[in-house]
C-alpha atoms as a PDB file:
ATOM      1  CA  MET A   1     172.596 -40.234 180.404  1.00  0.00           C
ATOM      2  CA  ALA A   2     173.073 -40.752 176.684  1.00  0.00           C
ATOM      3  CA  GLY A   3     176.260 -42.417 175.523  1.00  0.00           C
ATOM      4  CA  TRP A   4     177.227 -39.325 173.549  1.00  0.00           C
ATOM      5  CA  ALA A   5     176.479 -36.767 176.240  1.00  0.00           C
ATOM      6  CA  GLY A   6     179.974 -36.734 177.673  1.00  0.00           C
ATOM      7  CA  ALA A   7     181.465 -35.783 174.329  1.00  0.00           C
ATOM      8  CA  GLU A   8     178.719 -33.262 173.607  1.00  0.00           C
ATOM      9  CA  LEU A   9     179.077 -31.495 176.948  1.00  0.00           C
ATOM     10  CA  SER A  10     182.855 -31.454 176.912  1.00  0.00           C
ATOM     11  CA  VAL A  11     183.886 -27.832 177.049  1.00  0.00           C
ATOM     12  CA  LEU A  12     187.295 -28.287 175.500  1.00  0.00           C
ATOM     13  CA  ASN A  13     187.485 -29.439 171.906  1.00  0.00           C
ATOM     14  CA  PRO A  14     189.252 -28.023 168.847  1.00  0.00           C
ATOM     15  CA  LEU A  15     186.167 -26.465 167.257  1.00  0.00           C
ATOM     16  CA  ARG A  16     185.011 -24.658 170.381  1.00  0.00           C
ATOM     17  CA  THR A  17     188.536 -23.431 171.031  1.00  0.00           C
ATOM     18  CA  LEU A  18     188.850 -22.126 167.483  1.00  0.00           C
ATOM     19  CA  TRP A  19     185.491 -20.321 167.402  1.00  0.00           C
ATOM     20  CA  SER A  20     186.145 -18.871 170.846  1.00  0.00           C
ATOM     21  CA  ALA A  21     189.513 -17.548 169.673  1.00  0.00           C
ATOM     22  CA  LEU A  22     188.001 -16.003 166.539  1.00  0.00           C
ATOM     23  CA  ALA A  23     185.214 -14.371 168.537  1.00  0.00           C
ATOM     24  CA  ALA A  24     187.718 -13.004 171.056  1.00  0.00           C
ATOM     25  CA  ALA A  25     189.945 -11.657 168.274  1.00  0.00           C
ATOM     26  CA  PHE A  26     187.114  -9.727 166.637  1.00  0.00           C
ATOM     27  CA  LEU A  27     185.846  -8.495 170.003  1.00  0.00           C
ATOM     28  CA  LEU A  28     189.314  -7.155 170.748  1.00  0.00           C
ATOM     29  CA  ALA A  29     189.486  -5.503 167.317  1.00  0.00           C
ATOM     30  CA  LEU A  30     186.094  -3.860 167.916  1.00  0.00           C
ATOM     31  CA  LEU A  31     187.099  -2.615 171.370  1.00  0.00           C
ATOM     32  CA  LEU A  32     190.295  -1.138 169.920  1.00  0.00           C
ATOM     33  CA  GLN A  33     188.256   0.788 167.354  1.00  0.00           C
ATOM     34  CA  LEU A  34     186.000   2.145 170.098  1.00  0.00           C
ATOM     35  CA  THR A  35     189.038   3.365 172.053  1.00  0.00           C
ATOM     36  CA  PRO A  36     190.036   7.004 171.416  1.00  0.00           C
ATOM     37  CA  ALA A  37     192.626   7.083 168.619  1.00  0.00           C
ATOM     38  CA  ARG A  38     195.035   9.203 170.645  1.00  0.00           C
ATOM     39  CA  LEU A  39     195.437   6.394 173.163  1.00  0.00           C
ATOM     40  CA  LEU A  40     196.579   3.812 170.634  1.00  0.00           C
ATOM     41  CA  PRO A  41     199.486   3.701 168.201  1.00  0.00           C
ATOM     42  CA  SER A  42     198.562   3.673 164.522  1.00  0.00           C
ATOM     43  CA  CYS A  43     199.156   0.434 162.591  1.00  0.00           C
ATOM     44  CA  ALA A  44     198.372   0.539 158.877  1.00  0.00           C
ATOM     45  CA  LEU A  45     198.611  -3.239 158.436  1.00  0.00           C
ATOM     46  CA  PHE A  46     196.194  -3.935 161.292  1.00  0.00           C
ATOM     47  CA  GLN A  47     193.670  -1.456 159.900  1.00  0.00           C
ATOM     48  CA  ASP A  48     194.064  -2.983 156.454  1.00  0.00           C
ATOM     49  CA  LEU A  49     193.333  -6.472 157.767  1.00  0.00           C
ATOM     50  CA  ILE A  50     190.108  -5.532 159.579  1.00  0.00           C
ATOM     51  CA  ARG A  51     188.633  -3.274 156.884  1.00  0.00           C
ATOM     52  CA  TYR A  52     187.403  -4.058 153.384  1.00  0.00           C
ATOM     53  CA  GLY A  53     185.567  -2.401 150.528  1.00  0.00           C
ATOM     54  CA  LYS A  54     184.669   1.261 150.918  1.00  0.00           C
ATOM     55  CA  THR A  55     185.911   1.425 154.511  1.00  0.00           C
ATOM     56  CA  LYS A  56     189.376   0.340 153.335  1.00  0.00           C
ATOM     57  CA  GLN A  57     189.469   3.174 150.802  1.00  0.00           C
ATOM     58  CA  SER A  58     188.327   5.921 153.172  1.00  0.00           C
ATOM     59  CA  GLY A  59     190.754   8.019 155.187  1.00  0.00           C
ATOM     60  CA  SER A  60     194.437   8.538 154.440  1.00  0.00           C
ATOM     61  CA  ARG A  61     196.148   6.920 151.486  1.00  0.00           C
ATOM     62  CA  ARG A  62     197.074   3.319 152.157  1.00  0.00           C
ATOM     63  CA  PRO A  63     200.750   2.310 152.033  1.00  0.00           C
ATOM     64  CA  ALA A  64     201.948   0.671 148.811  1.00  0.00           C
ATOM     65  CA  ILE A  65     202.848  -2.516 150.691  1.00  0.00           C
ATOM     66  CA  CYS A  66     199.201  -2.863 151.737  1.00  0.00           C
ATOM     67  CA  ARG A  67     197.840  -2.185 148.261  1.00  0.00           C
ATOM     68  CA  ALA A  68     200.136  -4.882 146.866  1.00  0.00           C
ATOM     69  CA  PHE A  69     198.025  -7.535 148.610  1.00  0.00           C
ATOM     70  CA  ASP A  70     194.649  -6.322 147.329  1.00  0.00           C
ATOM     71  CA  VAL A  71     192.227  -8.598 145.532  1.00  0.00           C
ATOM     72  CA  PRO A  72     188.888  -7.382 144.092  1.00  0.00           C
ATOM     73  CA  LYS A  73     185.921  -7.434 146.448  1.00  0.00           C
ATOM     74  CA  ARG A  74     183.919  -9.078 143.660  1.00  0.00           C
ATOM     75  CA  TYR A  75     185.900 -12.217 144.511  1.00  0.00           C
ATOM     76  CA  PHE A  76     183.348 -12.662 147.292  1.00  0.00           C
ATOM     77  CA  SER A  77     181.646 -14.955 144.801  1.00  0.00           C
ATOM     78  CA  HIS A  78     184.520 -17.427 145.278  1.00  0.00           C
ATOM     79  CA  PHE A  79     183.478 -17.856 148.917  1.00  0.00           C
ATOM     80  CA  TYR A  80     180.005 -18.950 147.911  1.00  0.00           C
ATOM     81  CA  ILE A  81     181.199 -21.158 145.066  1.00  0.00           C
ATOM     82  CA  THR A  82     183.392 -22.934 147.612  1.00  0.00           C
ATOM     83  CA  SER A  83     180.511 -23.202 150.066  1.00  0.00           C
ATOM     84  CA  VAL A  84     177.989 -24.492 147.518  1.00  0.00           C
ATOM     85  CA  LEU A  85     180.409 -27.204 146.368  1.00  0.00           C
ATOM     86  CA  TRP A  86     181.914 -28.170 149.736  1.00  0.00           C
ATOM     87  CA  ASN A  87     178.829 -27.929 151.917  1.00  0.00           C
ATOM     88  CA  GLY A  88     176.752 -29.466 149.145  1.00  0.00           C
ATOM     89  CA  SER A  89     179.091 -32.457 149.300  1.00  0.00           C
ATOM     90  CA  LEU A  90     178.777 -32.642 153.088  1.00  0.00           C
ATOM     91  CA  LEU A  91     175.001 -32.455 152.746  1.00  0.00           C
ATOM     92  CA  TRP A  92     175.114 -35.325 150.251  1.00  0.00           C
ATOM     93  CA  PHE A  93     177.185 -37.495 152.613  1.00  0.00           C
ATOM     94  CA  LEU A  94     174.866 -36.708 155.524  1.00  0.00           C
ATOM     95  CA  SER A  95     171.737 -37.420 153.476  1.00  0.00           C
ATOM     96  CA  GLN A  96     173.158 -40.760 152.338  1.00  0.00           C
ATOM     97  CA  SER A  97     173.923 -41.680 155.929  1.00  0.00           C
ATOM     98  CA  LEU A  98     170.638 -40.499 157.430  1.00  0.00           C
ATOM     99  CA  PHE A  99     168.261 -41.937 154.851  1.00  0.00           C
ATOM    100  CA  LEU A 100     170.197 -44.845 153.321  1.00  0.00           C
ATOM    101  CA  GLY A 101     172.506 -45.884 156.148  1.00  0.00           C
ATOM    102  CA  ALA A 102     175.670 -45.304 154.096  1.00  0.00           C
ATOM    103  CA  PRO A 103     178.805 -44.717 156.210  1.00  0.00           C
ATOM    104  CA  PHE A 104     180.835 -41.533 155.932  1.00  0.00           C
ATOM    105  CA  PRO A 105     184.084 -41.791 153.930  1.00  0.00           C
ATOM    106  CA  ASN A 106     187.141 -42.671 156.034  1.00  0.00           C
ATOM    107  CA  TRP A 107     188.793 -39.289 155.447  1.00  0.00           C
ATOM    108  CA  LEU A 108     185.677 -37.440 156.593  1.00  0.00           C
ATOM    109  CA  CYS A 109     185.329 -39.551 159.746  1.00  0.00           C
ATOM    110  CA  ALA A 110     188.968 -38.920 160.630  1.00  0.00           C
ATOM    111  CA  LEU A 111     188.570 -35.196 160.008  1.00  0.00           C
ATOM    112  CA  LEU A 112     185.426 -34.952 162.135  1.00  0.00           C
ATOM    113  CA  ARG A 113     187.024 -36.880 165.000  1.00  0.00           C
ATOM    114  CA  SER A 114     190.036 -34.577 164.941  1.00  0.00           C
ATOM    115  CA  LEU A 115     187.663 -31.618 165.288  1.00  0.00           C
ATOM    116  CA  GLY A 116     185.867 -33.129 168.284  1.00  0.00           C
ATOM    117  CA  ALA A 117     182.785 -34.641 166.621  1.00  0.00           C
ATOM    118  CA  THR A 118     180.008 -35.953 168.851  1.00  0.00           C
ATOM    119  CA  GLN A 119     180.518 -39.656 169.520  1.00  0.00           C
ATOM    120  CA  PHE A 120     177.701 -42.056 170.389  1.00  0.00           C
ATOM    121  CA  GLN A 121     178.570 -45.386 171.936  1.00  0.00           C
ATOM    122  CA  ALA A 122     175.473 -47.462 171.258  1.00  0.00           C
ATOM    123  CA  GLN A 123     174.391 -49.643 174.158  1.00  0.00           C
ATOM    124  CA  GLU A 124     171.504 -52.002 174.508  1.00  0.00           C
ATOM    125  CA  THR A 125     170.608 -50.316 177.798  1.00  0.00           C
ATOM    126  CA  GLU A 126     170.277 -46.932 176.103  1.00  0.00           C
ATOM    127  CA  SER A 127     166.916 -45.380 176.909  1.00  0.00           C
ATOM    128  CA  LYS A 128     164.323 -44.520 174.301  1.00  0.00           C
ATOM    129  CA  ALA A 129     164.570 -40.858 175.327  1.00  0.00           C
ATOM    130  CA  SER A 130     168.310 -40.850 174.617  1.00  0.00           C
ATOM    131  CA  ARG A 131     167.775 -42.354 171.183  1.00  0.00           C
ATOM    132  CA  MET A 132     165.120 -39.757 170.396  1.00  0.00           C
ATOM    133  CA  LEU A 133     167.462 -36.993 171.529  1.00  0.00           C
ATOM    134  CA  ALA A 134     170.125 -38.322 169.172  1.00  0.00           C
ATOM    135  CA  GLY A 135     167.554 -38.270 166.364  1.00  0.00           C
ATOM    136  CA  GLU A 136     166.575 -34.673 167.176  1.00  0.00           C
ATOM    137  CA  LEU A 137     170.200 -33.577 167.045  1.00  0.00           C
ATOM    138  CA  ALA A 138     170.766 -35.373 163.730  1.00  0.00           C
ATOM    139  CA  LEU A 139     167.686 -33.698 162.242  1.00  0.00           C
ATOM    140  CA  SER A 140     168.868 -30.311 163.562  1.00  0.00           C
ATOM    141  CA  ALA A 141     172.263 -30.727 161.915  1.00  0.00           C
ATOM    142  CA  PHE A 142     170.649 -31.840 158.662  1.00  0.00           C
ATOM    143  CA  LEU A 143     168.371 -28.783 158.582  1.00  0.00           C
ATOM    144  CA  VAL A 144     171.180 -26.375 159.479  1.00  0.00           C
ATOM    145  CA  LEU A 145     173.382 -27.811 156.743  1.00  0.00           C
ATOM    146  CA  VAL A 146     170.477 -27.368 154.290  1.00  0.00           C
ATOM    147  CA  PHE A 147     170.080 -23.763 155.491  1.00  0.00           C
ATOM    148  CA  LEU A 148     173.798 -23.108 155.064  1.00  0.00           C
ATOM    149  CA  TRP A 149     173.759 -24.509 151.526  1.00  0.00           C
ATOM    150  CA  VAL A 150     170.630 -22.558 150.548  1.00  0.00           C
ATOM    151  CA  HIS A 151     172.109 -19.393 152.059  1.00  0.00           C
ATOM    152  CA  SER A 152     175.339 -19.841 150.072  1.00  0.00           C
ATOM    153  CA  LEU A 153     173.428 -20.577 146.859  1.00  0.00           C
ATOM    154  CA  ARG A 154     171.355 -17.408 147.296  1.00  0.00           C
ATOM    155  CA  ARG A 155     174.427 -15.298 148.029  1.00  0.00           C
ATOM    156  CA  LEU A 156     176.134 -16.726 144.949  1.00  0.00           C
ATOM    157  CA  PHE A 157     173.097 -15.769 142.855  1.00  0.00           C
ATOM    158  CA  GLU A 158     173.223 -12.267 144.331  1.00  0.00           C
ATOM    159  CA  CYS A 159     176.924 -11.904 143.535  1.00  0.00           C
ATOM    160  CA  PHE A 160     176.269 -12.693 139.874  1.00  0.00           C
ATOM    161  CA  TYR A 161     172.865 -11.088 139.276  1.00  0.00           C
ATOM    162  CA  VAL A 162     172.102  -8.566 142.036  1.00  0.00           C
ATOM    163  CA  SER A 163     175.182  -6.925 143.518  1.00  0.00           C
ATOM    164  CA  VAL A 164     176.973  -4.134 141.694  1.00  0.00           C
ATOM    165  CA  PHE A 165     180.634  -4.280 142.650  1.00  0.00           C
ATOM    166  CA  SER A 166     182.901  -1.259 142.382  1.00  0.00           C
ATOM    167  CA  ASN A 167     186.703  -1.381 142.291  1.00  0.00           C
ATOM    168  CA  ALA A 168     186.781  -1.894 146.060  1.00  0.00           C
ATOM    169  CA  ALA A 169     189.284  -4.397 147.431  1.00  0.00           C
ATOM    170  CA  ILE A 170     189.871  -6.903 150.190  1.00  0.00           C
ATOM    171  CA  HIS A 171     193.195  -8.084 151.576  1.00  0.00           C
ATOM    172  CA  VAL A 172     194.440 -11.428 150.286  1.00  0.00           C
ATOM    173  CA  ALA A 173     194.476 -12.670 153.898  1.00  0.00           C
ATOM    174  CA  GLN A 174     190.762 -11.821 154.169  1.00  0.00           C
ATOM    175  CA  TYR A 175     190.178 -13.653 150.900  1.00  0.00           C
ATOM    176  CA  CYS A 176     191.928 -16.805 152.139  1.00  0.00           C
ATOM    177  CA  PHE A 177     190.102 -16.615 155.465  1.00  0.00           C
ATOM    178  CA  GLY A 178     186.762 -16.373 153.650  1.00  0.00           C
ATOM    179  CA  LEU A 179     187.507 -19.548 151.690  1.00  0.00           C
ATOM    180  CA  VAL A 180     188.521 -21.464 154.804  1.00  0.00           C
ATOM    181  CA  TYR A 181     185.571 -20.107 156.803  1.00  0.00           C
ATOM    182  CA  TYR A 182     182.881 -21.791 154.709  1.00  0.00           C
ATOM    183  CA  VAL A 183     184.757 -25.085 154.789  1.00  0.00           C
ATOM    184  CA  LEU A 184     185.084 -24.849 158.557  1.00  0.00           C
ATOM    185  CA  VAL A 185     181.498 -23.820 159.260  1.00  0.00           C
ATOM    186  CA  GLY A 186     180.140 -26.791 157.299  1.00  0.00           C
ATOM    187  CA  LEU A 187     182.380 -29.175 159.224  1.00  0.00           C
ATOM    188  CA  THR A 188     181.196 -27.561 162.446  1.00  0.00           C
ATOM    189  CA  VAL A 189     177.600 -28.397 161.564  1.00  0.00           C
ATOM    190  CA  LEU A 190     178.421 -31.954 160.545  1.00  0.00           C
ATOM    191  CA  SER A 191     180.451 -32.531 163.711  1.00  0.00           C
ATOM    192  CA  GLN A 192     177.290 -32.038 165.787  1.00  0.00           C
ATOM    193  CA  VAL A 193     175.713 -35.205 164.389  1.00  0.00           C
ATOM    194  CA  PRO A 194     175.944 -38.146 166.843  1.00  0.00           C
ATOM    195  CA  MET A 195     178.178 -40.772 165.254  1.00  0.00           C
ATOM    196  CA  ASP A 196     178.846 -44.408 166.067  1.00  0.00           C
ATOM    197  CA  ASP A 197     182.074 -45.334 164.298  1.00  0.00           C
ATOM    198  CA  LYS A 198     181.393 -44.344 160.656  1.00  0.00           C
ATOM    199  CA  ASN A 199     177.638 -44.183 160.881  1.00  0.00           C
ATOM    200  CA  VAL A 200     175.291 -41.439 161.961  1.00  0.00           C
ATOM    201  CA  TYR A 201     173.422 -42.754 164.967  1.00  0.00           C
ATOM    202  CA  VAL A 202     169.741 -42.195 164.208  1.00  0.00           C
ATOM    203  CA  LEU A 203     166.662 -44.278 163.527  1.00  0.00           C
ATOM    204  CA  ARG A 204     166.487 -43.533 159.810  1.00  0.00           C
ATOM    205  CA  LYS A 205     162.868 -44.459 159.238  1.00  0.00           C
ATOM    206  CA  ASN A 206     161.759 -42.205 162.083  1.00  0.00           C
ATOM    207  CA  LEU A 207     163.994 -39.220 161.361  1.00  0.00           C
ATOM    208  CA  LEU A 208     161.235 -36.837 160.312  1.00  0.00           C
ATOM    209  CA  MET A 209     159.242 -37.884 163.372  1.00  0.00           C
ATOM    210  CA  GLN A 210     161.944 -36.211 165.474  1.00  0.00           C
ATOM    211  CA  ALA A 211     160.761 -32.739 164.374  1.00  0.00           C
ATOM    212  CA  ARG A 212     160.204 -30.393 167.305  1.00  0.00           C
ATOM    213  CA  TRP A 213     158.962 -26.841 167.778  1.00  0.00           C
ATOM    214  CA  PHE A 214     162.490 -25.400 167.555  1.00  0.00           C
ATOM    215  CA  HIS A 215     162.998 -26.958 164.123  1.00  0.00           C
ATOM    216  CA  ILE A 216     159.884 -25.193 162.839  1.00  0.00           C
ATOM    217  CA  LEU A 217     160.711 -21.891 164.548  1.00  0.00           C
ATOM    218  CA  GLY A 218     164.285 -22.007 163.243  1.00  0.00           C
ATOM    219  CA  MET A 219     163.057 -22.625 159.704  1.00  0.00           C
ATOM    220  CA  ILE A 220     160.632 -19.695 159.879  1.00  0.00           C
ATOM    221  CA  MET A 221     163.356 -17.402 161.244  1.00  0.00           C
ATOM    222  CA  PHE A 222     165.809 -18.527 158.560  1.00  0.00           C
ATOM    223  CA  PHE A 223     163.553 -17.786 155.604  1.00  0.00           C
ATOM    224  CA  TRP A 224     162.281 -14.557 157.193  1.00  0.00           C
ATOM    225  CA  SER A 225     165.802 -13.186 157.770  1.00  0.00           C
ATOM    226  CA  SER A 226     166.997 -14.443 154.370  1.00  0.00           C
ATOM    227  CA  ALA A 227     164.150 -12.573 152.669  1.00  0.00           C
ATOM    228  CA  HIS A 228     165.119  -9.388 154.501  1.00  0.00           C
ATOM    229  CA  GLN A 229     168.778  -9.792 153.571  1.00  0.00           C
ATOM    230  CA  TYR A 230     167.872 -10.308 149.916  1.00  0.00           C
ATOM    231  CA  LYS A 231     165.691  -7.180 150.018  1.00  0.00           C
ATOM    232  CA  CYS A 232     168.529  -5.206 151.610  1.00  0.00           C
ATOM    233  CA  HIS A 233     170.940  -6.309 148.892  1.00  0.00           C
ATOM    234  CA  LEU A 234     168.387  -5.275 146.257  1.00  0.00           C
ATOM    235  CA  ILE A 235     168.144  -1.827 147.875  1.00  0.00           C
ATOM    236  CA  LEU A 236     171.926  -1.441 147.782  1.00  0.00           C
ATOM    237  CA  SER A 237     172.073  -2.641 144.189  1.00  0.00           C
ATOM    238  CA  ASN A 238     169.317  -0.280 143.038  1.00  0.00           C
ATOM    239  CA  LEU A 239     171.303   2.680 144.352  1.00  0.00           C
ATOM    240  CA  ARG A 240     173.623   2.127 141.384  1.00  0.00           C
ATOM    241  CA  ARG A 241     170.968   1.386 138.758  1.00  0.00           C
ATOM    242  CA  ASN A 242     168.405   3.446 136.896  1.00  0.00           C
ATOM    243  CA  LYS A 243     164.712   2.593 136.753  1.00  0.00           C
ATOM    244  CA  LYS A 244     165.384   0.188 133.899  1.00  0.00           C
ATOM    245  CA  GLY A 245     167.864  -1.761 136.007  1.00  0.00           C
ATOM    246  CA  VAL A 246     170.933  -0.573 134.097  1.00  0.00           C
ATOM    247  CA  VAL A 247     174.053   0.140 136.150  1.00  0.00           C
ATOM    248  CA  ILE A 248     174.844   3.848 135.797  1.00  0.00           C
ATOM    249  CA  HIS A 249     177.547   4.405 138.421  1.00  0.00           C
ATOM    250  CA  CYS A 250     179.459   2.774 141.265  1.00  0.00           C
ATOM    251  CA  GLN A 251     179.222   5.603 143.772  1.00  0.00           C
ATOM    252  CA  HIS A 252     177.932   5.224 147.315  1.00  0.00           C
ATOM    253  CA  ARG A 253     174.523   6.589 148.260  1.00  0.00           C
ATOM    254  CA  ILE A 254     172.393   6.546 151.407  1.00  0.00           C
ATOM    255  CA  PRO A 255     170.163   3.423 151.482  1.00  0.00           C
ATOM    256  CA  PHE A 256     166.551   3.718 152.618  1.00  0.00           C
ATOM    257  CA  GLY A 257     163.844   1.152 153.229  1.00  0.00           C
ATOM    258  CA  ASP A 258     163.366  -2.087 155.150  1.00  0.00           C
ATOM    259  CA  TRP A 259     165.859  -2.502 158.026  1.00  0.00           C
ATOM    260  CA  PHE A 260     167.993   0.362 156.688  1.00  0.00           C
ATOM    261  CA  GLU A 261     165.523   2.666 158.423  1.00  0.00           C
ATOM    262  CA  TYR A 262     167.000   1.453 161.721  1.00  0.00           C
ATOM    263  CA  VAL A 263     170.645   0.520 161.073  1.00  0.00           C
ATOM    264  CA  SER A 264     173.377   1.386 158.582  1.00  0.00           C
ATOM    265  CA  SER A 265     174.255  -2.263 157.900  1.00  0.00           C
ATOM    266  CA  ALA A 266     170.886  -3.956 157.627  1.00  0.00           C
ATOM    267  CA  ASN A 267     172.350  -6.777 155.554  1.00  0.00           C
ATOM    268  CA  TYR A 268     174.829  -7.544 158.348  1.00  0.00           C
ATOM    269  CA  LEU A 269     172.012  -7.586 160.898  1.00  0.00           C
ATOM    270  CA  ALA A 270     170.128 -10.052 158.697  1.00  0.00           C
ATOM    271  CA  GLU A 271     173.269 -12.210 158.528  1.00  0.00           C
ATOM    272  CA  LEU A 272     173.344 -12.361 162.314  1.00  0.00           C
ATOM    273  CA  VAL A 273     169.656 -13.319 162.497  1.00  0.00           C
ATOM    274  CA  ILE A 274     170.280 -16.079 159.936  1.00  0.00           C
ATOM    275  CA  TYR A 275     172.931 -17.613 162.202  1.00  0.00           C
ATOM    276  CA  VAL A 276     170.701 -17.177 165.259  1.00  0.00           C
ATOM    277  CA  SER A 277     167.963 -19.061 163.386  1.00  0.00           C
ATOM    278  CA  MET A 278     170.409 -21.949 163.033  1.00  0.00           C
ATOM    279  CA  ALA A 279     171.088 -21.831 166.775  1.00  0.00           C
ATOM    280  CA  VAL A 280     167.331 -22.054 167.334  1.00  0.00           C
ATOM    281  CA  THR A 281     167.194 -25.047 164.973  1.00  0.00           C
ATOM    282  CA  PHE A 282     169.823 -26.729 167.162  1.00  0.00           C
ATOM    283  CA  GLY A 283     167.415 -26.357 170.072  1.00  0.00           C
ATOM    284  CA  LEU A 284     168.999 -23.240 171.616  1.00  0.00           C
ATOM    285  CA  HIS A 285     171.403 -25.313 173.727  1.00  0.00           C
ATOM    286  CA  ASN A 286     174.244 -26.154 171.330  1.00  0.00           C
ATOM    287  CA  LEU A 287     177.299 -24.419 172.811  1.00  0.00           C
ATOM    288  CA  THR A 288     179.477 -24.962 169.748  1.00  0.00           C
ATOM    289  CA  TRP A 289     177.019 -23.199 167.453  1.00  0.00           C
ATOM    290  CA  TRP A 290     176.503 -20.342 169.903  1.00  0.00           C
ATOM    291  CA  LEU A 291     180.253 -19.770 169.704  1.00  0.00           C
ATOM    292  CA  VAL A 292     179.870 -19.542 165.919  1.00  0.00           C
ATOM    293  CA  VAL A 293     177.052 -17.013 166.446  1.00  0.00           C
ATOM    294  CA  THR A 294     179.288 -15.045 168.838  1.00  0.00           C
ATOM    295  CA  TYR A 295     182.005 -14.874 166.200  1.00  0.00           C
ATOM    296  CA  VAL A 296     179.471 -13.751 163.580  1.00  0.00           C
ATOM    297  CA  PHE A 297     178.129 -11.111 165.969  1.00  0.00           C
ATOM    298  CA  PHE A 298     181.504  -9.487 166.646  1.00  0.00           C
ATOM    299  CA  SER A 299     182.782  -9.756 163.059  1.00  0.00           C
ATOM    300  CA  GLN A 300     179.610  -8.224 161.634  1.00  0.00           C
ATOM    301  CA  ALA A 301     179.530  -5.586 164.385  1.00  0.00           C
ATOM    302  CA  LEU A 302     183.076  -4.540 163.495  1.00  0.00           C
ATOM    303  CA  SER A 303     182.237  -4.181 159.800  1.00  0.00           C
ATOM    304  CA  ALA A 304     178.998  -2.370 160.649  1.00  0.00           C
ATOM    305  CA  PHE A 305     180.914   0.061 162.864  1.00  0.00           C
ATOM    306  CA  PHE A 306     183.189   0.981 159.947  1.00  0.00           C
ATOM    307  CA  ASN A 307     180.219   1.299 157.571  1.00  0.00           C
ATOM    308  CA  HIS A 308     178.374   3.579 159.979  1.00  0.00           C
ATOM    309  CA  LYS A 309     181.462   5.725 160.429  1.00  0.00           C
ATOM    310  CA  PHE A 310     181.880   5.969 156.647  1.00  0.00           C
ATOM    311  CA  TYR A 311     178.276   7.016 156.043  1.00  0.00           C
ATOM    312  CA  ARG A 312     178.292   9.619 158.791  1.00  0.00           C
ATOM    313  CA  SER A 313     181.567  11.159 157.616  1.00  0.00           C
ATOM    314  CA  THR A 314     180.566  11.122 153.920  1.00  0.00           C
ATOM    315  CA  PHE A 315     176.958  12.341 154.030  1.00  0.00           C
ATOM    316  CA  VAL A 316     176.041  15.445 156.023  1.00  0.00           C
ATOM    317  CA  SER A 317     172.348  14.588 155.740  1.00  0.00           C
ATOM    318  CA  TYR A 318     172.760  11.031 157.018  1.00  0.00           C
ATOM    319  CA  PRO A 319     169.839  10.098 159.333  1.00  0.00           C
ATOM    320  CA  LYS A 320     170.943  10.762 162.907  1.00  0.00           C
ATOM    321  CA  HIS A 321     168.568   8.208 164.443  1.00  0.00           C
ATOM    322  CA  ARG A 322     170.189   5.253 162.667  1.00  0.00           C
ATOM    323  CA  LYS A 323     172.457   2.948 164.628  1.00  0.00           C
ATOM    324  CA  ALA A 324     175.320   0.955 163.182  1.00  0.00           C
ATOM    325  CA  PHE A 325     174.228  -2.627 163.717  1.00  0.00           C
ATOM    326  CA  LEU A 326     171.593  -3.202 166.412  1.00  0.00           C
ATOM    327  CA  PRO A 327     168.387  -1.114 166.266  1.00  0.00           C
ATOM    328  CA  PHE A 328     168.221   1.496 169.055  1.00  0.00           C
ATOM    329  CA  LEU A 329     171.368   0.062 170.726  1.00  0.00           C
ATOM    330  CA  PHE A 330     174.583   0.104 168.686  1.00  0.00           C
END
């Protein structure tokens, strides 16, 4: 067995515990929303923390104490600025280590170890198969970190040049969580790279030779789902523009086209597929990343549930065949 297998297969580590807790929290929140309202006490603060944008504004008037902690939804761009800078830096460190043999900075090594990073104790008796497996995992992490950076760069572009933001708001706690999330998800990717002390354990000259079918499939899925998400955001943006591309209002309209023909939150569905494509790139067997995907699934499902409820209560002519998040299912 590879020298890093024990660490990789260890069920308990800080990252897995954290992502499991986040997934469980959003699953619980979703189940509470699916429970008949008469069976649960009303809590304005709880509802304010799990809703944002148009779903936060719908319904009864929010208490003043909740409105005091509002920040504009257009601050979403700050999430992607943070991600482009932070995860771009992590990608730089990883590239230097993989291709030039440069060690990670001391502070980054300490941080990764505290999060349960994969450790590889190099041994002369280590089999060739084990070394190749370490190279495959390093290449997977490199590709996923590239995907994450490209995804963040595209979303930043959309925030500035595609999306049309209204005066909708998010809670300051949601804003802070969004900033921390993109820092954490990048560290999660980097922690999957087999490390020996400060160095990434991989045969640098043969890195690209470690490419496998799941790397190619994951890449295809990533760009396919990213293209659909971009198209969905264009559809939403065009609902507020005239034929010349000029913004004429900030009202909500029924979206049509692409995946919106099947679900109310097609952009959220595309987000989920993007994260699944990263799980495929990891070879389909990386437990830590599947926990990230589980969190994404429940968080996006919760937001999609609120969106679907908003559309159905606002528009009498809303297509009855559409589901909230998963075509034909939910």
